[in-house]
C-alpha atoms as a PDB file:
ATOM      1  CA  MET A   1       0.000   0.000   0.000  1.00  0.00           C
ATOM      2  CA  SER A   2       2.060   2.873  -1.293  1.00  0.00           C
ATOM      3  CA  ASP A   3       1.021   6.492  -1.430  1.00  0.00           C
ATOM      4  CA  LYS A   4       0.172   7.738  -4.941  1.00  0.00           C
ATOM      5  CA  ASN A   5       2.413  10.788  -4.528  1.00  0.00           C
ATOM      6  CA  GLU A   6       5.357   8.751  -3.182  1.00  0.00           C
ATOM      7  CA  GLY A   7       8.694   9.770  -4.669  1.00  0.00           C
ATOM      8  CA  TYR A   8       7.404  13.087  -6.043  1.00  0.00           C
ATOM      9  CA  LYS A   9       8.538  16.486  -4.823  1.00  0.00           C
ATOM     10  CA  ILE A  10       6.880  19.357  -6.660  1.00  0.00           C
ATOM     11  CA  ILE A  11       9.297  22.223  -7.260  1.00  0.00           C
ATOM     12  CA  SER A  12       7.246  24.655  -9.332  1.00  0.00           C
ATOM     13  CA  ASP A  13       3.612  24.739 -10.381  1.00  0.00           C
ATOM     14  CA  ASN A  14       2.267  26.899 -13.218  1.00  0.00           C
ATOM     15  CA  ARG A  15      -1.194  27.586 -11.777  1.00  0.00           C
ATOM     16  CA  GLN A  16      -1.915  30.431 -14.178  1.00  0.00           C
ATOM     17  CA  ALA A  17      -1.768  27.985 -17.105  1.00  0.00           C
ATOM     18  CA  ARG A  18      -4.923  26.274 -15.834  1.00  0.00           C
ATOM     19  CA  TYR A  19      -6.691  29.634 -15.890  1.00  0.00           C
ATOM     20  CA  LEU A  20      -5.451  30.806 -19.301  1.00  0.00           C
ATOM     21  CA  TYR A  21      -5.567  27.482 -21.175  1.00  0.00           C
ATOM     22  CA  GLU A  22      -7.833  24.495 -21.562  1.00  0.00           C
ATOM     23  CA  ILE A  23      -5.567  21.485 -20.958  1.00  0.00           C
ATOM     24  CA  LEU A  24      -6.373  18.626 -23.333  1.00  0.00           C
ATOM     25  CA  GLU A  25      -3.531  16.166 -22.607  1.00  0.00           C
ATOM     26  CA  THR A  26      -0.477  16.048 -20.359  1.00  0.00           C
ATOM     27  CA  TYR A  27       2.912  14.474 -20.992  1.00  0.00           C
ATOM     28  CA  GLU A  28       5.815  13.799 -18.638  1.00  0.00           C
ATOM     29  CA  ALA A  29       9.232  14.715 -19.991  1.00  0.00           C
ATOM     30  CA  GLY A  30      12.761  14.708 -18.726  1.00  0.00           C
ATOM     31  CA  ILE A  31      14.791  17.866 -19.115  1.00  0.00           C
ATOM     32  CA  GLN A  32      18.447  18.307 -20.072  1.00  0.00           C
ATOM     33  CA  LEU A  33      20.145  20.471 -17.423  1.00  0.00           C
ATOM     34  CA  THR A  34      23.588  21.595 -16.288  1.00  0.00           C
ATOM     35  CA  GLY A  35      24.906  21.084 -12.744  1.00  0.00           C
ATOM     36  CA  THR A  36      24.208  24.591 -11.473  1.00  0.00           C
ATOM     37  CA  GLU A  37      20.666  24.415 -12.850  1.00  0.00           C
ATOM     38  CA  VAL A  38      19.948  21.252 -10.854  1.00  0.00           C
ATOM     39  CA  LYS A  39      21.322  22.871  -7.677  1.00  0.00           C
ATOM     40  CA  SER A  40      19.176  25.947  -8.254  1.00  0.00           C
ATOM     41  CA  ILE A  41      16.109  23.765  -8.901  1.00  0.00           C
ATOM     42  CA  ARG A  42      16.724  21.900  -5.629  1.00  0.00           C
ATOM     43  CA  ALA A  43      16.634  25.323  -3.929  1.00  0.00           C
ATOM     44  CA  GLY A  44      13.243  25.987  -5.608  1.00  0.00           C
ATOM     45  CA  LYS A  45      14.373  28.922  -7.765  1.00  0.00           C
ATOM     46  CA  VAL A  46      12.197  28.129 -10.822  1.00  0.00           C
ATOM     47  CA  ASN A  47       9.493  30.091 -12.624  1.00  0.00           C
ATOM     48  CA  LEU A  48       7.508  28.385 -15.402  1.00  0.00           C
ATOM     49  CA  GLN A  49       4.885  31.089 -15.997  1.00  0.00           C
ATOM     50  CA  ASP A  50       6.298  32.578 -19.195  1.00  0.00           C
ATOM     51  CA  GLY A  51       7.579  29.265 -20.519  1.00  0.00           C
ATOM     52  CA  TYR A  52       6.361  27.254 -23.481  1.00  0.00           C
ATOM     53  CA  ALA A  53       7.602  24.310 -25.524  1.00  0.00           C
ATOM     54  CA  LEU A  54       8.410  24.145 -29.234  1.00  0.00           C
ATOM     55  CA  LEU A  55       8.875  21.165 -31.526  1.00  0.00           C
ATOM     56  CA  ARG A  56      11.795  21.719 -33.902  1.00  0.00           C
ATOM     57  CA  ASP A  57      13.604  19.151 -36.109  1.00  0.00           C
ATOM     58  CA  GLY A  58      11.978  16.208 -34.337  1.00  0.00           C
ATOM     59  CA  GLU A  59      13.019  17.470 -30.889  1.00  0.00           C
ATOM     60  CA  ALA A  60      11.143  19.239 -28.085  1.00  0.00           C
ATOM     61  CA  TRP A  61      12.575  22.418 -26.536  1.00  0.00           C
ATOM     62  CA  LEU A  62      11.551  24.317 -23.402  1.00  0.00           C
ATOM     63  CA  ILE A  63      11.781  28.042 -24.032  1.00  0.00           C
ATOM     64  CA  ASN A  64      11.673  31.019 -21.669  1.00  0.00           C
ATOM     65  CA  ALA A  65      11.440  29.054 -18.403  1.00  0.00           C
ATOM     66  CA  HIS A  66      13.423  30.911 -15.747  1.00  0.00           C
ATOM     67  CA  ILE A  67      15.860  29.002 -13.516  1.00  0.00           C
ATOM     68  CA  SER A  68      17.747  31.483 -11.336  1.00  0.00           C
ATOM     69  CA  PRO A  69      21.559  31.342 -11.264  1.00  0.00           C
ATOM     70  CA  TYR A  70      23.016  29.311  -8.407  1.00  0.00           C
ATOM     71  CA  THR A  71      24.246  31.756  -5.751  1.00  0.00           C
ATOM     72  CA  ALA A  72      27.012  29.597  -4.230  1.00  0.00           C
ATOM     73  CA  SER A  73      28.810  29.247  -7.565  1.00  0.00           C
ATOM     74  CA  GLY A  74      31.034  31.680  -9.415  1.00  0.00           C
ATOM     75  CA  GLN A  75      29.770  33.609 -12.437  1.00  0.00           C
ATOM     76  CA  TYR A  76      31.963  31.624 -14.827  1.00  0.00           C
ATOM     77  CA  PHE A  77      30.397  28.268 -13.928  1.00  0.00           C
ATOM     78  CA  ASN A  78      26.817  29.523 -13.762  1.00  0.00           C
ATOM     79  CA  HIS A  79      24.119  29.100 -16.410  1.00  0.00           C
ATOM     80  CA  GLU A  80      21.986  31.514 -18.430  1.00  0.00           C
ATOM     81  CA  PRO A  81      18.626  31.882 -16.564  1.00  0.00           C
ATOM     82  CA  ARG A  82      16.310  31.759 -19.605  1.00  0.00           C
ATOM     83  CA  ARG A  83      18.296  29.510 -21.921  1.00  0.00           C
ATOM     84  CA  THR A  84      16.560  27.028 -24.237  1.00  0.00           C
ATOM     85  CA  ARG A  85      16.535  23.539 -22.696  1.00  0.00           C
ATOM     86  CA  LYS A  86      15.955  20.246 -24.459  1.00  0.00           C
ATOM     87  CA  LEU A  87      12.981  18.139 -23.341  1.00  0.00           C
ATOM     88  CA  LEU A  88      13.479  14.389 -23.350  1.00  0.00           C
ATOM     89  CA  LEU A  89      10.438  12.662 -24.876  1.00  0.00           C
ATOM     90  CA  HIS A  90      10.011   9.422 -26.799  1.00  0.00           C
ATOM     91  CA  GLY A  91      10.023   9.733 -30.597  1.00  0.00           C
ATOM     92  CA  LEU A  92       6.459   8.429 -30.843  1.00  0.00           C
ATOM     93  CA  GLU A  93       5.241  11.106 -28.409  1.00  0.00           C
ATOM     94  CA  ILE A  94       7.053  13.822 -30.353  1.00  0.00           C
ATOM     95  CA  ARG A  95       5.545  12.701 -33.675  1.00  0.00           C
ATOM     96  CA  LYS A  96       2.060  12.639 -32.118  1.00  0.00           C
ATOM     97  CA  LEU A  97       2.576  16.131 -30.657  1.00  0.00           C
ATOM     98  CA  ILE A  98       3.881  17.526 -33.963  1.00  0.00           C
ATOM     99  CA  GLY A  99       0.692  16.407 -35.690  1.00  0.00           C
ATOM    100  CA  LYS A 100      -1.594  17.917 -33.053  1.00  0.00           C
ATOM    101  CA  VAL A 101       0.289  21.197 -32.708  1.00  0.00           C
ATOM    102  CA  GLU A 102       0.520  21.830 -36.468  1.00  0.00           C
ATOM    103  CA  GLN A 103      -2.949  20.657 -37.520  1.00  0.00           C
ATOM    104  CA  GLN A 104      -5.094  21.803 -34.603  1.00  0.00           C
ATOM    105  CA  GLY A 105      -3.170  24.952 -33.645  1.00  0.00           C
ATOM    106  CA  LEU A 106      -2.530  23.859 -30.046  1.00  0.00           C
ATOM    107  CA  THR A 107       0.242  25.008 -27.688  1.00  0.00           C
ATOM    108  CA  LEU A 108       2.619  23.143 -25.376  1.00  0.00           C
ATOM    109  CA  ILE A 109       2.774  24.742 -21.925  1.00  0.00           C
ATOM    110  CA  PRO A 110       4.841  23.585 -18.899  1.00  0.00           C
ATOM    111  CA  LEU A 111       2.448  22.819 -16.048  1.00  0.00           C
ATOM    112  CA  LYS A 112       4.737  21.711 -13.216  1.00  0.00           C
ATOM    113  CA  MET A 113       8.315  20.729 -12.488  1.00  0.00           C
ATOM    114  CA  TYR A 114       9.070  18.028  -9.943  1.00  0.00           C
ATOM    115  CA  PHE A 115      11.572  15.432  -8.768  1.00  0.00           C
ATOM    116  CA  LYS A 116      10.699  11.817  -9.471  1.00  0.00           C
ATOM    117  CA  ARG A 117      13.107   9.256  -8.020  1.00  0.00           C
ATOM    118  CA  GLY A 118      15.900  11.851  -8.037  1.00  0.00           C
ATOM    119  CA  TRP A 119      15.383  13.007 -11.643  1.00  0.00           C
ATOM    120  CA  VAL A 120      13.967  16.386 -12.630  1.00  0.00           C
ATOM    121  CA  LYS A 121      10.777  15.898 -14.639  1.00  0.00           C
ATOM    122  CA  ILE A 122       8.465  18.416 -16.226  1.00  0.00           C
ATOM    123  CA  SER A 123       4.794  17.966 -16.975  1.00  0.00           C
ATOM    124  CA  ILE A 124       3.819  19.660 -20.240  1.00  0.00           C
ATOM    125  CA  GLY A 125       0.254  20.149 -21.350  1.00  0.00           C
ATOM    126  CA  LEU A 126      -1.211  20.195 -24.829  1.00  0.00           C
ATOM    127  CA  CYS A 127      -3.395  23.287 -24.474  1.00  0.00           C
ATOM    128  CA  ARG A 128      -5.888  25.460 -26.278  1.00  0.00           C
ATOM    129  CA  GLY A 129      -6.249  29.096 -25.232  1.00  0.00           C
ATOM    130  CA  LYS A 130      -9.452  30.000 -23.402  1.00  0.00           C
ATOM    131  CA  LYS A 131     -11.686  32.794 -24.555  1.00  0.00           C
ATOM    132  CA  VAL A 132     -12.781  35.523 -22.123  1.00  0.00           C
ATOM    133  CA  HIS A 133     -16.270  34.043 -21.708  1.00  0.00           C
ATOM    134  CA  ASP A 134     -14.762  30.641 -20.825  1.00  0.00           C
ATOM    135  CA  LYS A 135     -12.659  32.251 -18.096  1.00  0.00           C
ATOM    136  CA  ARG A 136     -15.713  34.030 -16.699  1.00  0.00           C
ATOM    137  CA  GLU A 137     -17.669  30.779 -16.746  1.00  0.00           C
ATOM    138  CA  ASP A 138     -14.911  28.998 -14.802  1.00  0.00           C
ATOM    139  CA  LEU A 139     -14.794  31.782 -12.209  1.00  0.00           C
ATOM    140  CA  LYS A 140     -18.583  31.643 -11.818  1.00  0.00           C
ATOM    141  CA  ARG A 141     -18.539  27.850 -11.441  1.00  0.00           C
ATOM    142  CA  ARG A 142     -15.776  28.054  -8.822  1.00  0.00           C
ATOM    143  CA  GLN A 143     -17.648  30.747  -6.881  1.00  0.00           C
ATOM    144  CA  ASP A 144     -20.838  28.659  -6.957  1.00  0.00           C
ATOM    145  CA  GLN A 145     -18.931  25.622  -5.630  1.00  0.00           C
ATOM    146  CA  ARG A 146     -17.537  27.772  -2.799  1.00  0.00           C
ATOM    147  CA  ASP A 147     -21.051  29.017  -1.931  1.00  0.00           C
ATOM    148  CA  ILE A 148     -22.399  25.455  -1.897  1.00  0.00           C
ATOM    149  CA  GLN A 149     -19.580  24.287   0.394  1.00  0.00           C
ATOM    150  CA  ARG A 150     -20.167  27.246   2.717  1.00  0.00           C
ATOM    151  CA  ALA A 151     -23.905  26.513   2.878  1.00  0.00           C
ATOM    152  CA  MET A 152     -23.288  22.808   3.557  1.00  0.00           C
ATOM    153  CA  LYS A 153     -20.827  23.661   6.323  1.00  0.00           C
ATOM    154  CA  ASN A 154     -23.299  25.981   8.060  1.00  0.00           C
ATOM    155  CA  TYR A 155     -26.189  23.553   7.631  1.00  0.00           C
END
């Protein structure tokens, strides 16, 4: 009887992506990092909010995700905070994603970064942008759920 979340340590969560995009599918990918990036990630210095993924030449790339420079290291050994990082996906997954992104006009957005059995993993979502009325509808539904919970608690 093991816990479902056993072995996972969430480092960064892109909560705004769930508000701005409708998430159709999620994929787990490894990420190619340097030593100072891993140390900075262990310290929790990651921001995925402006990040997105691109598929180029049969490879997946994470663009514009910010990993702060490691403070205990010298400037020479440190990394560029917003450098392009390679995502490690299976070839079949990449071919499937290329078809969906090009034909349906979808976007790949990083949803969360976490440690799984000592390795840094990133969860990317195949997303479609929400319209303003969809966002309002979600806010209304969430507010209604809160009101129902409040009424049930007081009852």
